[in-house]
C-alpha atoms as a PDB file:
ATOM      1  CA  MET A   1      47.703 158.556 202.306  1.00  0.00           C
ATOM      2  CA  ILE A   2      44.770 157.157 204.345  1.00  0.00           C
ATOM      3  CA  VAL A   3      41.342 155.062 203.147  1.00  0.00           C
ATOM      4  CA  ILE A   4      38.780 157.815 204.602  1.00  0.00           C
ATOM      5  CA  ALA A   5      35.880 155.952 202.879  1.00  0.00           C
ATOM      6  CA  ARG A   6      34.790 152.436 201.073  1.00  0.00           C
ATOM      7  CA  TYR A   7      31.296 151.385 198.647  1.00  0.00           C
ATOM      8  CA  SER A   8      31.083 147.969 198.125  1.00  0.00           C
ATOM      9  CA  HIS A   9      29.718 147.581 194.693  1.00  0.00           C
ATOM     10  CA  LYS A  10      27.925 144.340 193.963  1.00  0.00           C
ATOM     11  CA  ASP A  11      29.529 142.878 197.443  1.00  0.00           C
ATOM     12  CA  GLY A  12      33.103 143.659 196.113  1.00  0.00           C
ATOM     13  CA  GLU A  13      34.397 144.229 199.710  1.00  0.00           C
ATOM     14  CA  ASN A  14      33.758 141.117 201.078  1.00  0.00           C
ATOM     15  CA  PHE A  15      34.346 139.083 197.665  1.00  0.00           C
ATOM     16  CA  LEU A  16      37.960 140.522 197.547  1.00  0.00           C
ATOM     17  CA  LYS A  17      38.306 139.734 201.137  1.00  0.00           C
ATOM     18  CA  GLN A  18      36.902 135.934 200.693  1.00  0.00           C
ATOM     19  CA  HIS A  19      39.092 135.240 197.138  1.00  0.00           C
ATOM     20  CA  HIS A  20      41.537 138.279 197.640  1.00  0.00           C
ATOM     21  CA  SER A  21      42.719 139.457 200.793  1.00  0.00           C
ATOM     22  CA  ASN A  22      46.182 138.953 200.661  1.00  0.00           C
ATOM     23  CA  GLU A  23      45.944 141.279 197.383  1.00  0.00           C
ATOM     24  CA  LEU A  24      43.208 143.624 199.428  1.00  0.00           C
ATOM     25  CA  ASN A  25      45.949 143.850 202.402  1.00  0.00           C
ATOM     26  CA  GLU A  26      48.581 145.053 199.619  1.00  0.00           C
ATOM     27  CA  ILE A  27      46.380 147.894 198.150  1.00  0.00           C
ATOM     28  CA  TYR A  28      45.443 149.324 201.918  1.00  0.00           C
ATOM     29  CA  GLU A  29      49.326 149.318 202.576  1.00  0.00           C
ATOM     30  CA  ILE A  30      50.250 150.930 199.131  1.00  0.00           C
ATOM     31  CA  ILE A  31      47.855 153.528 199.828  1.00  0.00           C
ATOM     32  CA  ASN A  32      49.551 154.126 203.085  1.00  0.00           C
ATOM     33  CA  LEU A  33      52.669 154.204 201.673  1.00  0.00           C
ATOM     34  CA  VAL A  34      52.085 157.381 199.003  1.00  0.00           C
ATOM     35  CA  ASP A  35      52.709 160.784 200.486  1.00  0.00           C
ATOM     36  CA  ALA A  36      51.182 162.912 199.022  1.00  0.00           C
ATOM     37  CA  THR A  37      52.265 165.944 199.983  1.00  0.00           C
ATOM     38  CA  LYS A  38      55.287 165.433 198.116  1.00  0.00           C
ATOM     39  CA  PHE A  39      53.247 166.306 195.046  1.00  0.00           C
ATOM     40  CA  LYS A  40      51.286 168.847 195.843  1.00  0.00           C
ATOM     41  CA  THR A  41      53.661 171.068 193.210  1.00  0.00           C
ATOM     42  CA  LYS A  42      51.143 171.933 190.288  1.00  0.00           C
ATOM     43  CA  ILE A  43      50.506 176.113 190.041  1.00  0.00           C
ATOM     44  CA  SER A  44      46.769 176.651 189.157  1.00  0.00           C
ATOM     45  CA  LYS A  45      46.427 178.625 185.820  1.00  0.00           C
ATOM     46  CA  GLU A  46      42.831 178.428 186.452  1.00  0.00           C
ATOM     47  CA  LYS A  47      40.921 181.882 187.353  1.00  0.00           C
ATOM     48  CA  THR A  48      39.264 180.954 190.133  1.00  0.00           C
ATOM     49  CA  MET A  49      42.856 179.469 191.683  1.00  0.00           C
ATOM     50  CA  ARG A  50      45.340 181.137 189.928  1.00  0.00           C
ATOM     51  CA  GLY A  51      48.513 180.803 191.892  1.00  0.00           C
ATOM     52  CA  LYS A  52      47.361 178.552 194.220  1.00  0.00           C
ATOM     53  CA  MET A  53      49.385 175.352 195.116  1.00  0.00           C
ATOM     54  CA  LEU A  54      47.765 171.983 193.687  1.00  0.00           C
ATOM     55  CA  TYR A  55      47.921 168.177 194.327  1.00  0.00           C
ATOM     56  CA  SER A  56      49.669 166.950 190.867  1.00  0.00           C
ATOM     57  CA  PRO A  57      47.081 164.275 189.690  1.00  0.00           C
ATOM     58  CA  LYS A  58      49.768 163.165 186.914  1.00  0.00           C
ATOM     59  CA  GLN A  59      52.647 162.900 189.829  1.00  0.00           C
ATOM     60  CA  LEU A  60      50.290 161.263 192.568  1.00  0.00           C
ATOM     61  CA  ASN A  61      49.143 158.675 189.492  1.00  0.00           C
ATOM     62  CA  THR A  62      52.837 157.330 188.370  1.00  0.00           C
ATOM     63  CA  GLU A  63      53.579 157.102 192.631  1.00  0.00           C
ATOM     64  CA  PHE A  64      50.889 154.851 193.107  1.00  0.00           C
ATOM     65  CA  ILE A  65      51.489 153.271 189.554  1.00  0.00           C
ATOM     66  CA  LYS A  66      55.317 152.878 191.290  1.00  0.00           C
ATOM     67  CA  GLN A  67      54.333 151.228 194.250  1.00  0.00           C
ATOM     68  CA  PHE A  68      52.150 149.162 192.678  1.00  0.00           C
ATOM     69  CA  ASN A  69      54.699 147.727 190.430  1.00  0.00           C
ATOM     70  CA  ASN A  70      57.255 147.580 192.945  1.00  0.00           C
ATOM     71  CA  ARG A  71      54.967 144.449 194.721  1.00  0.00           C
ATOM     72  CA  GLY A  72      54.586 142.437 190.514  1.00  0.00           C
ATOM     73  CA  TRP A  73      51.006 144.585 189.889  1.00  0.00           C
ATOM     74  CA  GLN A  74      51.182 145.359 186.172  1.00  0.00           C
ATOM     75  CA  LYS A  75      48.974 147.190 183.584  1.00  0.00           C
ATOM     76  CA  GLN A  76      47.301 144.857 181.148  1.00  0.00           C
ATOM     77  CA  ARG A  77      46.004 145.850 177.812  1.00  0.00           C
ATOM     78  CA  ILE A  78      43.908 143.747 175.399  1.00  0.00           C
ATOM     79  CA  LYS A  79      43.316 144.500 172.044  1.00  0.00           C
ATOM     80  CA  MET A  80      39.734 145.367 170.390  1.00  0.00           C
ATOM     81  CA  THR A  81      38.598 145.023 166.628  1.00  0.00           C
ATOM     82  CA  THR A  82      34.488 145.565 165.720  1.00  0.00           C
ATOM     83  CA  TYR A  83      32.842 146.104 162.209  1.00  0.00           C
ATOM     84  CA  ILE A  84      31.059 148.807 161.517  1.00  0.00           C
ATOM     85  CA  SER A  85      29.126 147.197 158.272  1.00  0.00           C
ATOM     86  CA  GLU A  86      26.889 150.077 157.667  1.00  0.00           C
ATOM     87  CA  ILE A  87      30.218 151.791 156.379  1.00  0.00           C
ATOM     88  CA  ASN A  88      32.090 149.197 155.523  1.00  0.00           C
ATOM     89  CA  LEU A  89      34.695 149.757 157.989  1.00  0.00           C
ATOM     90  CA  LYS A  90      36.771 147.486 160.159  1.00  0.00           C
ATOM     91  CA  HIS A  91      37.726 149.514 164.149  1.00  0.00           C
ATOM     92  CA  GLU A  92      40.685 148.611 166.086  1.00  0.00           C
ATOM     93  CA  GLY A  93      41.810 150.115 169.153  1.00  0.00           C
ATOM     94  CA  PHE A  94      42.842 148.830 172.874  1.00  0.00           C
ATOM     95  CA  ARG A  95      41.731 149.239 176.188  1.00  0.00           C
ATOM     96  CA  GLU A  96      44.513 149.162 179.325  1.00  0.00           C
ATOM     97  CA  ILE A  97      43.542 148.905 182.764  1.00  0.00           C
ATOM     98  CA  ASP A  98      46.367 150.352 184.867  1.00  0.00           C
ATOM     99  CA  LEU A  99      47.090 147.189 187.308  1.00  0.00           C
ATOM    100  CA  VAL A 100      46.228 143.777 187.057  1.00  0.00           C
ATOM    101  CA  LYS A 101      47.759 140.749 189.461  1.00  0.00           C
ATOM    102  CA  ASN A 102      45.998 137.589 190.479  1.00  0.00           C
ATOM    103  CA  LYS A 103      42.992 138.699 188.585  1.00  0.00           C
ATOM    104  CA  VAL A 104      42.406 141.593 190.487  1.00  0.00           C
ATOM    105  CA  GLY A 105      42.145 144.817 188.430  1.00  0.00           C
ATOM    106  CA  VAL A 106      42.888 147.805 190.080  1.00  0.00           C
ATOM    107  CA  GLU A 107      42.662 151.683 188.839  1.00  0.00           C
ATOM    108  CA  ILE A 108      43.703 154.984 189.863  1.00  0.00           C
ATOM    109  CA  GLN A 109      41.279 157.926 189.103  1.00  0.00           C
ATOM    110  CA  PHE A 110      42.643 161.256 189.894  1.00  0.00           C
ATOM    111  CA  GLY A 111      41.289 162.751 186.460  1.00  0.00           C
ATOM    112  CA  LYS A 112      38.245 163.742 185.244  1.00  0.00           C
ATOM    113  CA  TYR A 113      34.001 162.526 186.604  1.00  0.00           C
ATOM    114  CA  ALA A 114      33.795 160.702 183.387  1.00  0.00           C
ATOM    115  CA  PHE A 115      36.547 158.184 183.259  1.00  0.00           C
ATOM    116  CA  MET A 116      35.659 156.797 186.993  1.00  0.00           C
ATOM    117  CA  VAL A 117      32.364 155.980 185.423  1.00  0.00           C
ATOM    118  CA  TYR A 118      33.564 154.422 182.950  1.00  0.00           C
ATOM    119  CA  ASN A 119      36.513 152.081 184.526  1.00  0.00           C
ATOM    120  CA  ILE A 120      33.793 150.432 187.593  1.00  0.00           C
ATOM    121  CA  LEU A 121      30.843 150.205 184.789  1.00  0.00           C
ATOM    122  CA  ALA A 122      32.545 149.591 181.279  1.00  0.00           C
ATOM    123  CA  LYS A 123      36.496 148.410 181.127  1.00  0.00           C
ATOM    124  CA  MET A 124      36.415 146.242 184.330  1.00  0.00           C
ATOM    125  CA  THR A 125      33.393 144.564 182.412  1.00  0.00           C
ATOM    126  CA  ILE A 126      35.661 144.034 179.670  1.00  0.00           C
ATOM    127  CA  PHE A 127      38.660 142.875 180.864  1.00  0.00           C
ATOM    128  CA  ASN A 128      36.554 140.109 183.698  1.00  0.00           C
ATOM    129  CA  LYS A 129      34.490 139.627 180.014  1.00  0.00           C
ATOM    130  CA  GLN A 130      38.207 138.656 179.035  1.00  0.00           C
ATOM    131  CA  ASN A 131      38.860 136.696 181.798  1.00  0.00           C
ATOM    132  CA  ILE A 132      41.878 139.417 182.944  1.00  0.00           C
ATOM    133  CA  ILE A 133      39.867 140.082 186.538  1.00  0.00           C
ATOM    134  CA  ASP A 134      37.441 138.869 188.559  1.00  0.00           C
ATOM    135  CA  CYS A 135      37.023 141.838 190.697  1.00  0.00           C
ATOM    136  CA  GLY A 136      38.255 145.349 190.986  1.00  0.00           C
ATOM    137  CA  VAL A 137      39.512 148.244 192.871  1.00  0.00           C
ATOM    138  CA  GLU A 138      38.530 152.118 191.692  1.00  0.00           C
ATOM    139  CA  ILE A 139      41.717 154.381 194.083  1.00  0.00           C
ATOM    140  CA  VAL A 140      39.261 158.023 193.610  1.00  0.00           C
ATOM    141  CA  PRO A 141      39.961 161.236 196.226  1.00  0.00           C
ATOM    142  CA  MET A 142      37.570 162.404 198.940  1.00  0.00           C
ATOM    143  CA  ARG A 143      35.628 165.625 197.631  1.00  0.00           C
ATOM    144  CA  SER A 144      37.964 167.369 200.380  1.00  0.00           C
ATOM    145  CA  MET A 145      41.365 166.290 198.536  1.00  0.00           C
ATOM    146  CA  ALA A 146      39.636 166.695 195.139  1.00  0.00           C
ATOM    147  CA  GLU A 147      39.177 170.529 195.566  1.00  0.00           C
ATOM    148  CA  GLU A 148      42.638 170.972 196.099  1.00  0.00           C
ATOM    149  CA  MET A 149      43.353 169.620 192.305  1.00  0.00           C
ATOM    150  CA  SER A 150      42.092 170.952 189.038  1.00  0.00           C
ATOM    151  CA  THR A 151      38.810 172.077 188.496  1.00  0.00           C
ATOM    152  CA  GLY A 152      36.674 168.591 187.575  1.00  0.00           C
ATOM    153  CA  VAL A 153      38.596 166.389 189.272  1.00  0.00           C
ATOM    154  CA  SER A 154      36.459 163.169 190.386  1.00  0.00           C
ATOM    155  CA  TYR A 155      35.603 162.153 193.968  1.00  0.00           C
ATOM    156  CA  PHE A 156      34.838 159.286 195.823  1.00  0.00           C
ATOM    157  CA  GLU A 157      31.036 160.867 197.155  1.00  0.00           C
ATOM    158  CA  GLN A 158      29.524 161.694 193.816  1.00  0.00           C
ATOM    159  CA  ILE A 159      29.990 158.072 191.852  1.00  0.00           C
ATOM    160  CA  LYS A 160      29.124 157.063 195.254  1.00  0.00           C
ATOM    161  CA  SER A 161      26.104 158.403 194.794  1.00  0.00           C
ATOM    162  CA  ASP A 162      25.399 157.482 190.877  1.00  0.00           C
ATOM    163  CA  LEU A 163      26.429 153.455 191.799  1.00  0.00           C
ATOM    164  CA  GLU A 164      23.955 153.452 195.001  1.00  0.00           C
ATOM    165  CA  TYR A 165      21.002 155.087 192.742  1.00  0.00           C
ATOM    166  CA  ARG A 166      22.091 153.406 189.796  1.00  0.00           C
ATOM    167  CA  GLY A 167      21.560 149.787 191.387  1.00  0.00           C
ATOM    168  CA  THR A 168      23.272 146.564 190.348  1.00  0.00           C
ATOM    169  CA  SER A 169      23.316 145.161 186.773  1.00  0.00           C
ATOM    170  CA  ASN A 170      23.503 141.365 185.815  1.00  0.00           C
ATOM    171  CA  ILE A 171      27.026 142.445 183.833  1.00  0.00           C
ATOM    172  CA  ASP A 172      28.614 144.323 186.837  1.00  0.00           C
ATOM    173  CA  ILE A 173      31.448 142.971 188.726  1.00  0.00           C
ATOM    174  CA  PRO A 174      32.477 143.084 192.218  1.00  0.00           C
ATOM    175  CA  ILE A 175      34.018 146.641 192.995  1.00  0.00           C
ATOM    176  CA  LEU A 176      35.265 148.263 195.698  1.00  0.00           C
ATOM    177  CA  VAL A 177      35.380 151.931 195.777  1.00  0.00           C
ATOM    178  CA  LEU A 178      37.948 153.698 197.880  1.00  0.00           C
ATOM    179  CA  GLY A 179      38.170 157.209 199.002  1.00  0.00           C
ATOM    180  CA  VAL A 180      41.044 158.742 199.815  1.00  0.00           C
ATOM    181  CA  ASP A 181      43.109 161.456 201.423  1.00  0.00           C
ATOM    182  CA  VAL A 182      46.155 162.794 202.650  1.00  0.00           C
ATOM    183  CA  PHE A 183      45.028 163.421 205.899  1.00  0.00           C
ATOM    184  CA  LYS A 184      41.794 162.664 207.793  1.00  0.00           C
ATOM    185  CA  ARG A 185      39.798 166.008 207.934  1.00  0.00           C
ATOM    186  CA  GLN A 186      36.737 167.230 209.799  1.00  0.00           C
ATOM    187  CA  TYR A 187      34.020 166.663 207.498  1.00  0.00           C
ATOM    188  CA  ASN A 188      30.344 168.901 206.794  1.00  0.00           C
ATOM    189  CA  ALA A 189      27.091 166.658 207.635  1.00  0.00           C
ATOM    190  CA  ILE A 190      25.364 167.782 204.555  1.00  0.00           C
ATOM    191  CA  LEU A 191      27.516 168.171 201.121  1.00  0.00           C
ATOM    192  CA  THR A 192      26.124 169.198 197.955  1.00  0.00           C
ATOM    193  CA  SER A 193      27.359 169.032 194.209  1.00  0.00           C
END
């Protein structure tokens, strides 16, 4: 796979270059190692694409995780407990981030749009507050690739628009969003969603 586009939220790209250049280089190397053509294995059952061969988000995610694990990146999980006084109940759960190495968090997101936004604006902030990461990288497909996946898959152009229009908050951390594809394609001048 190749990186087609980048979006630097809260100066994420410069932060990574200055403080985590080795990890950033590894991320680019790993993306280049993933041969997505091997994972165009899902036969669509959706009404609008019935029988069409699609990229399998699950298999792509598994391959990315394997490649990162081979270089020492590991999943991190934190336990979370909160008390709901109104109903006298203690709630316990956990949050998990795909990969962490030397305080850099990485999420691979070939799933639904809400998860992409959650990763960047909530989950990575939680892991930063717990002193596990100081910056993050979100790897997402470009729209052209997402169109060859199940409906509802998030893509780079969506999150870039949302983050630009939202702006930054004092609780945000430096994040680099990488839009990936199987190959470089011809892009139209205007895309609408």
